[in-house]
Amino acid sequence: MTKLLWELFWVFSRVALISWGGGPASMGLMQRETVHAGWVTTEEFADALAIGNALPGPIAPQVSAYIGYKIAGTWGAISAVTGTVLPTTLLMLVMVIFFFGIKDSPAIAAMLKAVRPIIVGLLLWTTYVMAVSVFSVGKLGWVKGLGTNWDKVLIALVAFFILTLTEVNPVWLVVVSAVFGFLVYR
């Protein structure tokens, strides 16, 4: 069991330390690592992400807690969350000390110009993989899957447009969709 706890800590530390762009940007790498390890399926990861987004606070520790708990109970959750938070918190403390001396550096600005589009790509990849799972479309039969899951596609599109065109807090969308799901999909 101790070996598994260290493995959880290490995997989530590695994800946290090599993911640029914060919690949402790390979801693609976290999904790849945890599914590859056999800890969760793509569908379970989508569930963890949905639950994490329904709660206040940062997404990465919430998803890691879900996966850690599934694998090794309470201690697994603690180990995974610690791996997600501790190394990056320590790194941030070190970076804050030095950042103000290098923040205007052309090298730092150049690096960030290349890293930001990668984060967009990671988020798009995560969206694609989750869409395949949520809409049950399969990698090749996506058109058929979208047609048979038109209601879920409509929910996703409505959420996208509401978030894009209004100032509605995403929490309300999650709450309303949970109530809708309870009433309609039971």
N, C-alpha and C. Protein backbone atom coordinates (compact mmCIF):
# COMPACT_ATOMS: atom_id res chain seq x y z
N MET A 1 0.82 -1.21 0.00
CA MET A 1 0.00 0.00 0.00
C MET A 1 0.86 1.26 0.00
N THR A 2 1.95 1.26 0.76
CA THR A 2 2.82 2.43 0.81
C THR A 2 3.39 2.72 -0.57
N LYS A 3 3.74 1.67 -1.32
CA LYS A 3 4.26 1.86 -2.68
C LYS A 3 3.22 2.54 -3.56
N LEU A 4 1.98 2.13 -3.45
CA LEU A 4 0.91 2.72 -4.24
C LEU A 4 0.71 4.19 -3.87
N LEU A 5 0.79 4.51 -2.59
CA LEU A 5 0.63 5.91 -2.17
C LEU A 5 1.75 6.78 -2.75
N TRP A 6 2.97 6.26 -2.75
CA TRP A 6 4.09 7.00 -3.33
C TRP A 6 3.91 7.15 -4.84
N GLU A 7 3.38 6.10 -5.48
CA GLU A 7 3.14 6.15 -6.92
C GLU A 7 2.08 7.22 -7.23
N LEU A 8 1.01 7.26 -6.44
CA LEU A 8 0.00 8.32 -6.62
C LEU A 8 0.63 9.70 -6.45
N PHE A 9 1.41 9.86 -5.39
CA PHE A 9 2.07 11.14 -5.13
C PHE A 9 2.95 11.52 -6.32
N TRP A 10 3.75 10.57 -6.80
CA TRP A 10 4.69 10.87 -7.88
C TRP A 10 3.98 11.22 -9.18
N VAL A 11 2.98 10.45 -9.58
CA VAL A 11 2.27 10.72 -10.83
C VAL A 11 1.62 12.10 -10.79
N PHE A 12 0.94 12.41 -9.69
CA PHE A 12 0.27 13.71 -9.62
C PHE A 12 1.27 14.85 -9.46
N SER A 13 2.40 14.61 -8.82
CA SER A 13 3.47 15.63 -8.76
C SER A 13 4.01 15.90 -10.15
N ARG A 14 4.26 14.82 -10.90
CA ARG A 14 4.79 14.96 -12.25
C ARG A 14 3.81 15.76 -13.13
N VAL A 15 2.54 15.42 -13.05
CA VAL A 15 1.53 16.16 -13.83
C VAL A 15 1.55 17.63 -13.43
N ALA A 16 1.55 17.89 -12.14
CA ALA A 16 1.51 19.28 -11.67
C ALA A 16 2.75 20.06 -12.10
N LEU A 17 3.91 19.41 -12.05
CA LEU A 17 5.15 20.12 -12.34
C LEU A 17 5.41 20.35 -13.82
N ILE A 18 4.83 19.54 -14.69
CA ILE A 18 5.10 19.75 -16.12
C ILE A 18 3.90 20.28 -16.88
N SER A 19 2.85 20.64 -16.18
CA SER A 19 1.66 21.22 -16.83
C SER A 19 1.71 22.73 -16.67
N TRP A 20 1.78 23.42 -17.78
CA TRP A 20 1.75 24.87 -17.75
C TRP A 20 0.34 25.34 -17.95
N GLY A 21 -0.06 26.38 -17.26
CA GLY A 21 -1.34 27.00 -17.50
C GLY A 21 -2.39 26.75 -16.44
N GLY A 22 -2.01 26.14 -15.34
CA GLY A 22 -2.97 25.95 -14.25
C GLY A 22 -3.76 24.66 -14.35
N GLY A 23 -4.71 24.53 -13.43
CA GLY A 23 -5.48 23.30 -13.29
C GLY A 23 -6.17 22.82 -14.55
N PRO A 24 -6.99 23.67 -15.21
CA PRO A 24 -7.67 23.19 -16.41
C PRO A 24 -6.69 22.72 -17.49
N ALA A 25 -5.57 23.40 -17.62
CA ALA A 25 -4.59 23.01 -18.63
C ALA A 25 -3.93 21.68 -18.29
N SER A 26 -3.91 21.32 -17.03
CA SER A 26 -3.27 20.05 -16.64
C SER A 26 -4.19 18.85 -16.82
N MET A 27 -5.47 19.09 -17.10
CA MET A 27 -6.41 17.98 -17.18
C MET A 27 -6.09 16.99 -18.30
N GLY A 28 -5.60 17.48 -19.43
CA GLY A 28 -5.23 16.58 -20.52
C GLY A 28 -4.13 15.62 -20.12
N LEU A 29 -3.08 16.16 -19.53
CA LEU A 29 -1.97 15.32 -19.09
C LEU A 29 -2.39 14.41 -17.94
N MET A 30 -3.18 14.93 -17.01
CA MET A 30 -3.65 14.11 -15.90
C MET A 30 -4.50 12.94 -16.42
N GLN A 31 -5.35 13.23 -17.39
CA GLN A 31 -6.17 12.17 -17.96
C GLN A 31 -5.29 11.10 -18.61
N ARG A 32 -4.34 11.54 -19.41
CA ARG A 32 -3.47 10.59 -20.11
C ARG A 32 -2.70 9.72 -19.11
N GLU A 33 -2.15 10.33 -18.09
CA GLU A 33 -1.34 9.59 -17.11
C GLU A 33 -2.19 8.60 -16.31
N THR A 34 -3.35 9.04 -15.86
CA THR A 34 -4.15 8.18 -14.98
C THR A 34 -4.86 7.07 -15.75
N VAL A 35 -5.28 7.35 -16.98
CA VAL A 35 -5.89 6.31 -17.80
C VAL A 35 -4.82 5.30 -18.21
N HIS A 36 -3.64 5.80 -18.59
CA HIS A 36 -2.53 4.91 -18.98
C HIS A 36 -2.11 4.01 -17.82
N ALA A 37 -2.15 4.54 -16.61
CA ALA A 37 -1.79 3.74 -15.42
C ALA A 37 -2.87 2.71 -15.10
N GLY A 38 -4.04 2.84 -15.73
CA GLY A 38 -5.13 1.91 -15.46
C GLY A 38 -5.91 2.24 -14.20
N TRP A 39 -5.74 3.45 -13.70
CA TRP A 39 -6.42 3.85 -12.47
C TRP A 39 -7.87 4.23 -12.72
N VAL A 40 -8.14 4.84 -13.86
CA VAL A 40 -9.50 5.22 -14.24
C VAL A 40 -9.67 4.99 -15.74
N THR A 41 -10.92 4.89 -16.15
CA THR A 41 -11.24 4.87 -17.57
C THR A 41 -11.47 6.31 -18.02
N THR A 42 -11.59 6.50 -19.31
CA THR A 42 -11.88 7.84 -19.82
C THR A 42 -13.21 8.34 -19.28
N GLU A 43 -14.18 7.43 -19.16
CA GLU A 43 -15.49 7.81 -18.64
C GLU A 43 -15.40 8.21 -17.16
N GLU A 44 -14.62 7.47 -16.39
CA GLU A 44 -14.46 7.81 -14.97
C GLU A 44 -13.75 9.16 -14.82
N PHE A 45 -12.78 9.42 -15.70
CA PHE A 45 -12.10 10.71 -15.64
C PHE A 45 -13.09 11.83 -15.95
N ALA A 46 -13.95 11.61 -16.93
CA ALA A 46 -14.98 12.61 -17.25
C ALA A 46 -15.90 12.84 -16.05
N ASP A 47 -16.23 11.77 -15.33
CA ASP A 47 -17.05 11.91 -14.12
C ASP A 47 -16.32 12.74 -13.07
N ALA A 48 -15.04 12.44 -12.88
CA ALA A 48 -14.24 13.19 -11.89
C ALA A 48 -14.19 14.66 -12.26
N LEU A 49 -14.01 14.93 -13.55
CA LEU A 49 -13.95 16.31 -14.01
C LEU A 49 -15.30 17.01 -13.82
N ALA A 50 -16.38 16.30 -14.07
CA ALA A 50 -17.71 16.89 -13.89
C ALA A 50 -17.97 17.20 -12.41
N ILE A 51 -17.64 16.25 -11.55
CA ILE A 51 -17.83 16.47 -10.12
C ILE A 51 -16.95 17.62 -9.63
N GLY A 52 -15.69 17.63 -10.07
CA GLY A 52 -14.78 18.69 -9.67
C GLY A 52 -15.24 20.06 -10.12
N ASN A 53 -15.81 20.14 -11.32
CA ASN A 53 -16.31 21.42 -11.82
C ASN A 53 -17.58 21.86 -11.12
N ALA A 54 -18.28 20.92 -10.50
CA ALA A 54 -19.49 21.27 -9.77
C ALA A 54 -19.17 21.85 -8.38
N LEU A 55 -17.94 21.70 -7.96
CA LEU A 55 -17.52 22.17 -6.64
C LEU A 55 -16.71 23.45 -6.75
N PRO A 56 -16.73 24.27 -5.71
CA PRO A 56 -15.87 25.46 -5.74
C PRO A 56 -14.41 25.05 -5.54
N GLY A 57 -13.52 25.88 -6.02
CA GLY A 57 -12.10 25.63 -5.80
C GLY A 57 -11.40 25.11 -7.05
N PRO A 58 -10.09 24.91 -6.92
CA PRO A 58 -9.29 24.49 -8.07
C PRO A 58 -9.60 23.05 -8.50
N ILE A 59 -9.60 22.83 -9.79
CA ILE A 59 -10.01 21.55 -10.36
C ILE A 59 -8.98 20.44 -10.17
N ALA A 60 -7.70 20.74 -10.29
CA ALA A 60 -6.68 19.68 -10.26
C ALA A 60 -6.68 18.90 -8.93
N PRO A 61 -6.69 19.56 -7.78
CA PRO A 61 -6.74 18.78 -6.53
C PRO A 61 -8.03 17.98 -6.39
N GLN A 62 -9.12 18.50 -6.91
CA GLN A 62 -10.39 17.79 -6.79
C GLN A 62 -10.38 16.50 -7.62
N VAL A 63 -9.90 16.60 -8.85
CA VAL A 63 -9.84 15.41 -9.70
C VAL A 63 -8.83 14.41 -9.15
N SER A 64 -7.72 14.90 -8.65
CA SER A 64 -6.73 13.98 -8.08
C SER A 64 -7.27 13.30 -6.82
N ALA A 65 -8.06 14.03 -6.04
CA ALA A 65 -8.68 13.41 -4.85
C ALA A 65 -9.62 12.28 -5.25
N TYR A 66 -10.41 12.50 -6.27
CA TYR A 66 -11.35 11.49 -6.78
C TYR A 66 -10.59 10.23 -7.19
N ILE A 67 -9.55 10.43 -7.99
CA ILE A 67 -8.79 9.28 -8.50
C ILE A 67 -8.03 8.59 -7.36
N GLY A 68 -7.40 9.38 -6.50
CA GLY A 68 -6.67 8.80 -5.37
C GLY A 68 -7.58 8.00 -4.47
N TYR A 69 -8.77 8.51 -4.21
CA TYR A 69 -9.73 7.79 -3.36
C TYR A 69 -10.18 6.50 -4.03
N LYS A 70 -10.42 6.55 -5.31
CA LYS A 70 -10.84 5.35 -6.04
C LYS A 70 -9.77 4.25 -5.94
N ILE A 71 -8.52 4.65 -6.02
CA ILE A 71 -7.42 3.69 -6.03
C ILE A 71 -7.05 3.20 -4.64
N ALA A 72 -7.02 4.08 -3.65
CA ALA A 72 -6.49 3.69 -2.34
C ALA A 72 -7.21 4.34 -1.17
N GLY A 73 -8.48 4.69 -1.32
CA GLY A 73 -9.25 5.22 -0.21
C GLY A 73 -8.79 6.60 0.23
N THR A 74 -9.03 6.89 1.49
CA THR A 74 -8.71 8.22 2.03
C THR A 74 -7.24 8.56 1.91
N TRP A 75 -6.37 7.60 2.23
CA TRP A 75 -4.93 7.88 2.13
C TRP A 75 -4.50 8.07 0.68
N GLY A 76 -5.16 7.39 -0.23
CA GLY A 76 -4.88 7.61 -1.64
C GLY A 76 -5.26 9.01 -2.08
N ALA A 77 -6.41 9.48 -1.61
CA ALA A 77 -6.84 10.84 -1.93
C ALA A 77 -5.86 11.86 -1.36
N ILE A 78 -5.45 11.65 -0.12
CA ILE A 78 -4.49 12.57 0.52
C ILE A 78 -3.17 12.58 -0.24
N SER A 79 -2.70 11.41 -0.62
CA SER A 79 -1.44 11.30 -1.35
C SER A 79 -1.52 11.99 -2.71
N ALA A 80 -2.61 11.75 -3.44
CA ALA A 80 -2.77 12.36 -4.76
C ALA A 80 -2.89 13.88 -4.67
N VAL A 81 -3.68 14.37 -3.73
CA VAL A 81 -3.84 15.81 -3.57
C VAL A 81 -2.52 16.45 -3.13
N THR A 82 -1.82 15.81 -2.23
CA THR A 82 -0.52 16.34 -1.79
C THR A 82 0.44 16.41 -2.97
N GLY A 83 0.44 15.38 -3.81
CA GLY A 83 1.29 15.39 -5.00
C GLY A 83 0.90 16.50 -5.97
N THR A 84 -0.37 16.79 -6.04
CA THR A 84 -0.84 17.84 -6.94
C THR A 84 -0.50 19.23 -6.44
N VAL A 85 -0.53 19.42 -5.13
CA VAL A 85 -0.42 20.76 -4.57
C VAL A 85 0.98 21.09 -4.02
N LEU A 86 1.58 20.20 -3.28
CA LEU A 86 2.82 20.54 -2.56
C LEU A 86 3.98 20.94 -3.47
N PRO A 87 4.36 20.15 -4.48
CA PRO A 87 5.51 20.54 -5.29
C PRO A 87 5.32 21.88 -6.01
N THR A 88 4.14 22.10 -6.55
CA THR A 88 3.93 23.35 -7.27
C THR A 88 3.83 24.55 -6.32
N THR A 89 3.33 24.33 -5.13
CA THR A 89 3.28 25.41 -4.15
C THR A 89 4.69 25.82 -3.75
N LEU A 90 5.53 24.83 -3.50
CA LEU A 90 6.93 25.13 -3.16
C LEU A 90 7.63 25.81 -4.33
N LEU A 91 7.40 25.32 -5.54
CA LEU A 91 8.00 25.93 -6.72
C LEU A 91 7.52 27.37 -6.87
N MET A 92 6.24 27.61 -6.62
CA MET A 92 5.70 28.96 -6.74
C MET A 92 6.35 29.90 -5.72
N LEU A 93 6.55 29.41 -4.51
CA LEU A 93 7.21 30.25 -3.50
C LEU A 93 8.61 30.65 -3.96
N VAL A 94 9.33 29.71 -4.55
CA VAL A 94 10.68 30.01 -5.06
C VAL A 94 10.58 30.99 -6.23
N MET A 95 9.63 30.74 -7.14
CA MET A 95 9.49 31.60 -8.32
C MET A 95 9.10 33.02 -7.94
N VAL A 96 8.25 33.18 -6.95
CA VAL A 96 7.83 34.53 -6.54
C VAL A 96 9.04 35.33 -6.10
N ILE A 97 9.94 34.67 -5.43
CA ILE A 97 11.15 35.36 -4.95
C ILE A 97 11.96 35.90 -6.12
N PHE A 98 12.05 35.10 -7.21
CA PHE A 98 12.88 35.50 -8.34
C PHE A 98 12.13 36.18 -9.48
N PHE A 99 10.82 36.03 -9.53
CA PHE A 99 10.04 36.48 -10.68
C PHE A 99 10.20 37.96 -10.97
N PHE A 100 10.13 38.77 -9.96
CA PHE A 100 10.13 40.21 -10.20
C PHE A 100 11.45 40.69 -10.77
N GLY A 101 12.47 39.87 -10.66
CA GLY A 101 13.76 40.22 -11.28
C GLY A 101 13.83 39.83 -12.75
N ILE A 102 12.98 38.89 -13.17
CA ILE A 102 13.07 38.40 -14.56
C ILE A 102 11.79 38.61 -15.37
N LYS A 103 10.77 39.17 -14.77
CA LYS A 103 9.46 39.23 -15.43
C LYS A 103 9.47 40.00 -16.74
N ASP A 104 10.37 40.95 -16.90
CA ASP A 104 10.42 41.75 -18.13
C ASP A 104 11.45 41.22 -19.11
N SER A 105 12.00 40.06 -18.84
CA SER A 105 13.02 39.47 -19.70
C SER A 105 12.44 39.07 -21.05
N PRO A 106 13.11 39.43 -22.14
CA PRO A 106 12.64 39.00 -23.46
C PRO A 106 12.61 37.47 -23.60
N ALA A 107 13.50 36.78 -22.94
CA ALA A 107 13.52 35.31 -23.01
C ALA A 107 12.26 34.72 -22.37
N ILE A 108 11.87 35.26 -21.23
CA ILE A 108 10.66 34.78 -20.55
C ILE A 108 9.43 35.08 -21.41
N ALA A 109 9.36 36.29 -21.96
CA ALA A 109 8.23 36.66 -22.82
C ALA A 109 8.17 35.75 -24.05
N ALA A 110 9.30 35.43 -24.64
CA ALA A 110 9.33 34.54 -25.81
C ALA A 110 8.87 33.14 -25.45
N MET A 111 9.31 32.64 -24.32
CA MET A 111 8.89 31.30 -23.89
C MET A 111 7.38 31.26 -23.67
N LEU A 112 6.83 32.27 -23.03
CA LEU A 112 5.39 32.30 -22.76
C LEU A 112 4.57 32.40 -24.05
N LYS A 113 5.09 33.09 -25.06
CA LYS A 113 4.39 33.18 -26.34
C LYS A 113 4.22 31.80 -26.98
N ALA A 114 5.17 30.92 -26.78
CA ALA A 114 5.08 29.57 -27.35
C ALA A 114 4.29 28.61 -26.46
N VAL A 115 4.32 28.84 -25.16
CA VAL A 115 3.64 27.93 -24.23
C VAL A 115 2.13 28.16 -24.25
N ARG A 116 1.67 29.37 -24.36
CA ARG A 116 0.22 29.65 -24.32
C ARG A 116 -0.56 28.89 -25.39
N PRO A 117 -0.12 28.82 -26.64
CA PRO A 117 -0.87 28.03 -27.63
C PRO A 117 -0.88 26.53 -27.32
N ILE A 118 0.17 26.05 -26.70
CA ILE A 118 0.19 24.64 -26.31
C ILE A 118 -0.92 24.37 -25.30
N ILE A 119 -1.12 25.28 -24.39
CA ILE A 119 -2.18 25.12 -23.39
C ILE A 119 -3.54 25.06 -24.09
N VAL A 120 -3.74 25.89 -25.09
CA VAL A 120 -5.00 25.84 -25.85
C VAL A 120 -5.14 24.47 -26.50
N GLY A 121 -4.07 23.96 -27.09
CA GLY A 121 -4.10 22.63 -27.70
C GLY A 121 -4.42 21.54 -26.69
N LEU A 122 -3.84 21.61 -25.49
CA LEU A 122 -4.13 20.63 -24.45
C LEU A 122 -5.59 20.69 -24.03
N LEU A 123 -6.13 21.88 -23.91
CA LEU A 123 -7.54 22.03 -23.55
C LEU A 123 -8.45 21.50 -24.66
N LEU A 124 -8.10 21.75 -25.91
CA LEU A 124 -8.89 21.22 -27.03
C LEU A 124 -8.83 19.70 -27.06
N TRP A 125 -7.66 19.13 -26.82
CA TRP A 125 -7.52 17.67 -26.78
C TRP A 125 -8.37 17.08 -25.67
N THR A 126 -8.32 17.69 -24.49
CA THR A 126 -9.13 17.22 -23.37
C THR A 126 -10.61 17.30 -23.72
N THR A 127 -11.02 18.38 -24.35
CA THR A 127 -12.41 18.52 -24.77
C THR A 127 -12.79 17.43 -25.75
N TYR A 128 -11.94 17.15 -26.71
CA TYR A 128 -12.21 16.10 -27.70
C TYR A 128 -12.37 14.75 -27.02
N VAL A 129 -11.43 14.38 -26.16
CA VAL A 129 -11.48 13.08 -25.50
C VAL A 129 -12.72 12.97 -24.62
N MET A 130 -13.06 14.05 -23.92
CA MET A 130 -14.26 14.02 -23.09
C MET A 130 -15.52 13.93 -23.96
N ALA A 131 -15.53 14.62 -25.11
CA ALA A 131 -16.69 14.55 -25.99
C ALA A 131 -16.90 13.13 -26.49
N VAL A 132 -15.82 12.46 -26.84
CA VAL A 132 -15.92 11.06 -27.28
C VAL A 132 -16.55 10.22 -26.18
N SER A 133 -16.16 10.48 -24.93
CA SER A 133 -16.70 9.73 -23.79
C SER A 133 -18.14 10.12 -23.47
N VAL A 134 -18.39 11.41 -23.36
CA VAL A 134 -19.71 11.89 -22.93
C VAL A 134 -20.78 11.58 -23.97
N PHE A 135 -20.45 11.78 -25.23
CA PHE A 135 -21.44 11.56 -26.28
C PHE A 135 -21.42 10.13 -26.80
N SER A 136 -20.56 9.28 -26.25
CA SER A 136 -20.45 7.88 -26.66
C SER A 136 -20.35 7.77 -28.17
N VAL A 137 -19.47 8.57 -28.74
CA VAL A 137 -19.40 8.63 -30.18
C VAL A 137 -18.35 7.69 -30.77
N GLY A 138 -17.41 7.23 -29.98
CA GLY A 138 -16.34 6.42 -30.55
C GLY A 138 -15.45 7.28 -31.43
N LYS A 139 -14.22 6.87 -31.62
CA LYS A 139 -13.28 7.71 -32.36
C LYS A 139 -13.64 7.85 -33.83
N LEU A 140 -14.31 6.87 -34.40
CA LEU A 140 -14.63 6.95 -35.83
C LEU A 140 -16.09 7.26 -36.10
N GLY A 141 -16.98 6.92 -35.17
CA GLY A 141 -18.40 7.11 -35.42
C GLY A 141 -18.96 8.36 -34.79
N TRP A 142 -18.22 9.44 -34.81
CA TRP A 142 -18.63 10.63 -34.07
C TRP A 142 -19.88 11.27 -34.63
N VAL A 143 -20.10 11.23 -35.93
CA VAL A 143 -21.29 11.87 -36.49
C VAL A 143 -22.55 11.14 -36.01
N LYS A 144 -22.54 9.80 -36.07
CA LYS A 144 -23.69 9.02 -35.60
C LYS A 144 -23.92 9.27 -34.11
N GLY A 145 -22.84 9.26 -33.34
CA GLY A 145 -22.95 9.47 -31.89
C GLY A 145 -23.51 10.83 -31.55
N LEU A 146 -23.12 11.84 -32.30
CA LEU A 146 -23.66 13.18 -32.05
C LEU A 146 -25.15 13.23 -32.37
N GLY A 147 -25.55 12.51 -33.40
CA GLY A 147 -26.97 12.48 -33.77
C GLY A 147 -27.82 11.75 -32.75
N THR A 148 -27.31 10.67 -32.20
CA THR A 148 -28.09 9.91 -31.23
C THR A 148 -28.04 10.53 -29.85
N ASN A 149 -27.10 11.40 -29.62
CA ASN A 149 -26.98 12.09 -28.33
C ASN A 149 -27.25 13.58 -28.51
N TRP A 150 -28.21 13.92 -29.35
CA TRP A 150 -28.49 15.31 -29.67
C TRP A 150 -28.81 16.13 -28.43
N ASP A 151 -29.43 15.50 -27.43
CA ASP A 151 -29.79 16.24 -26.22
C ASP A 151 -28.55 16.68 -25.45
N LYS A 152 -27.55 15.81 -25.38
CA LYS A 152 -26.33 16.17 -24.67
C LYS A 152 -25.53 17.20 -25.46
N VAL A 153 -25.54 17.08 -26.78
CA VAL A 153 -24.89 18.08 -27.62
C VAL A 153 -25.56 19.43 -27.41
N LEU A 154 -26.89 19.45 -27.37
CA LEU A 154 -27.63 20.69 -27.15
C LEU A 154 -27.28 21.31 -25.80
N ILE A 155 -27.19 20.49 -24.76
CA ILE A 155 -26.81 20.99 -23.43
C ILE A 155 -25.43 21.63 -23.50
N ALA A 156 -24.48 20.96 -24.15
CA ALA A 156 -23.12 21.49 -24.26
C ALA A 156 -23.11 22.81 -25.03
N LEU A 157 -23.84 22.87 -26.13
CA LEU A 157 -23.88 24.10 -26.93
C LEU A 157 -24.54 25.26 -26.18
N VAL A 158 -25.63 24.96 -25.49
CA VAL A 158 -26.31 26.01 -24.70
C VAL A 158 -25.35 26.54 -23.63
N ALA A 159 -24.66 25.64 -22.94
CA ALA A 159 -23.71 26.07 -21.92
C ALA A 159 -22.61 26.94 -22.53
N PHE A 160 -22.08 26.50 -23.67
CA PHE A 160 -21.03 27.26 -24.35
C PHE A 160 -21.50 28.67 -24.68
N PHE A 161 -22.68 28.78 -25.29
CA PHE A 161 -23.18 30.09 -25.69
C PHE A 161 -23.53 30.97 -24.49
N ILE A 162 -24.09 30.39 -23.46
CA ILE A 162 -24.39 31.18 -22.26
C ILE A 162 -23.10 31.73 -21.66
N LEU A 163 -22.09 30.88 -21.55
CA LEU A 163 -20.82 31.33 -20.97
C LEU A 163 -20.11 32.34 -21.86
N THR A 164 -20.27 32.19 -23.17
CA THR A 164 -19.61 33.10 -24.11
C THR A 164 -20.30 34.45 -24.19
N LEU A 165 -21.62 34.43 -24.12
CA LEU A 165 -22.38 35.66 -24.39
C LEU A 165 -22.90 36.37 -23.15
N THR A 166 -22.77 35.77 -21.99
CA THR A 166 -23.28 36.39 -20.76
C THR A 166 -22.21 36.37 -19.68
N GLU A 167 -22.58 36.92 -18.56
CA GLU A 167 -21.69 36.93 -17.39
C GLU A 167 -22.14 35.92 -16.34
N VAL A 168 -22.98 34.97 -16.73
CA VAL A 168 -23.51 33.98 -15.79
C VAL A 168 -22.36 33.17 -15.20
N ASN A 169 -22.42 33.00 -13.89
CA ASN A 169 -21.41 32.20 -13.21
C ASN A 169 -21.59 30.74 -13.62
N PRO A 170 -20.50 30.05 -14.02
CA PRO A 170 -20.59 28.64 -14.43
C PRO A 170 -21.20 27.73 -13.38
N VAL A 171 -21.09 28.09 -12.12
CA VAL A 171 -21.67 27.28 -11.05
C VAL A 171 -23.17 27.11 -11.28
N TRP A 172 -23.83 28.18 -11.71
CA TRP A 172 -25.28 28.10 -11.93
C TRP A 172 -25.61 27.14 -13.06
N LEU A 173 -24.78 27.10 -14.08
CA LEU A 173 -25.01 26.15 -15.17
C LEU A 173 -24.88 24.71 -14.67
N VAL A 174 -23.90 24.47 -13.83
CA VAL A 174 -23.71 23.13 -13.28
C VAL A 174 -24.91 22.75 -12.42
N VAL A 175 -25.35 23.67 -11.57
CA VAL A 175 -26.49 23.39 -10.69
C VAL A 175 -27.76 23.13 -11.50
N VAL A 176 -28.03 23.99 -12.46
CA VAL A 176 -29.23 23.83 -13.29
C VAL A 176 -29.15 22.53 -14.09
N SER A 177 -27.99 22.21 -14.63
CA SER A 177 -27.88 20.96 -15.40
C SER A 177 -28.02 19.73 -14.51
N ALA A 178 -27.54 19.81 -13.27
CA ALA A 178 -27.71 18.69 -12.35
C ALA A 178 -29.18 18.47 -12.03
N VAL A 179 -29.90 19.56 -11.79
CA VAL A 179 -31.35 19.45 -11.54
C VAL A 179 -32.06 18.91 -12.77
N PHE A 180 -31.70 19.43 -13.94
CA PHE A 180 -32.27 18.96 -15.20
C PHE A 180 -32.01 17.46 -15.38
N GLY A 181 -30.77 17.05 -15.14
CA GLY A 181 -30.43 15.63 -15.25
C GLY A 181 -31.22 14.77 -14.29
N PHE A 182 -31.38 15.25 -13.07
CA PHE A 182 -32.17 14.52 -12.07
C PHE A 182 -33.61 14.35 -12.52
N LEU A 183 -34.18 15.41 -13.08
CA LEU A 183 -35.58 15.36 -13.50
C LEU A 183 -35.79 14.58 -14.81
N VAL A 184 -34.86 14.68 -15.75
CA VAL A 184 -35.07 14.12 -17.07
C VAL A 184 -34.44 12.73 -17.26
N TYR A 185 -33.26 12.51 -16.74
CA TYR A 185 -32.51 11.28 -17.05
C TYR A 185 -32.65 10.18 -15.99
N ARG A 186 -33.46 10.40 -14.98
CA ARG A 186 -33.63 9.39 -13.94
C ARG A 186 -34.28 8.16 -14.45
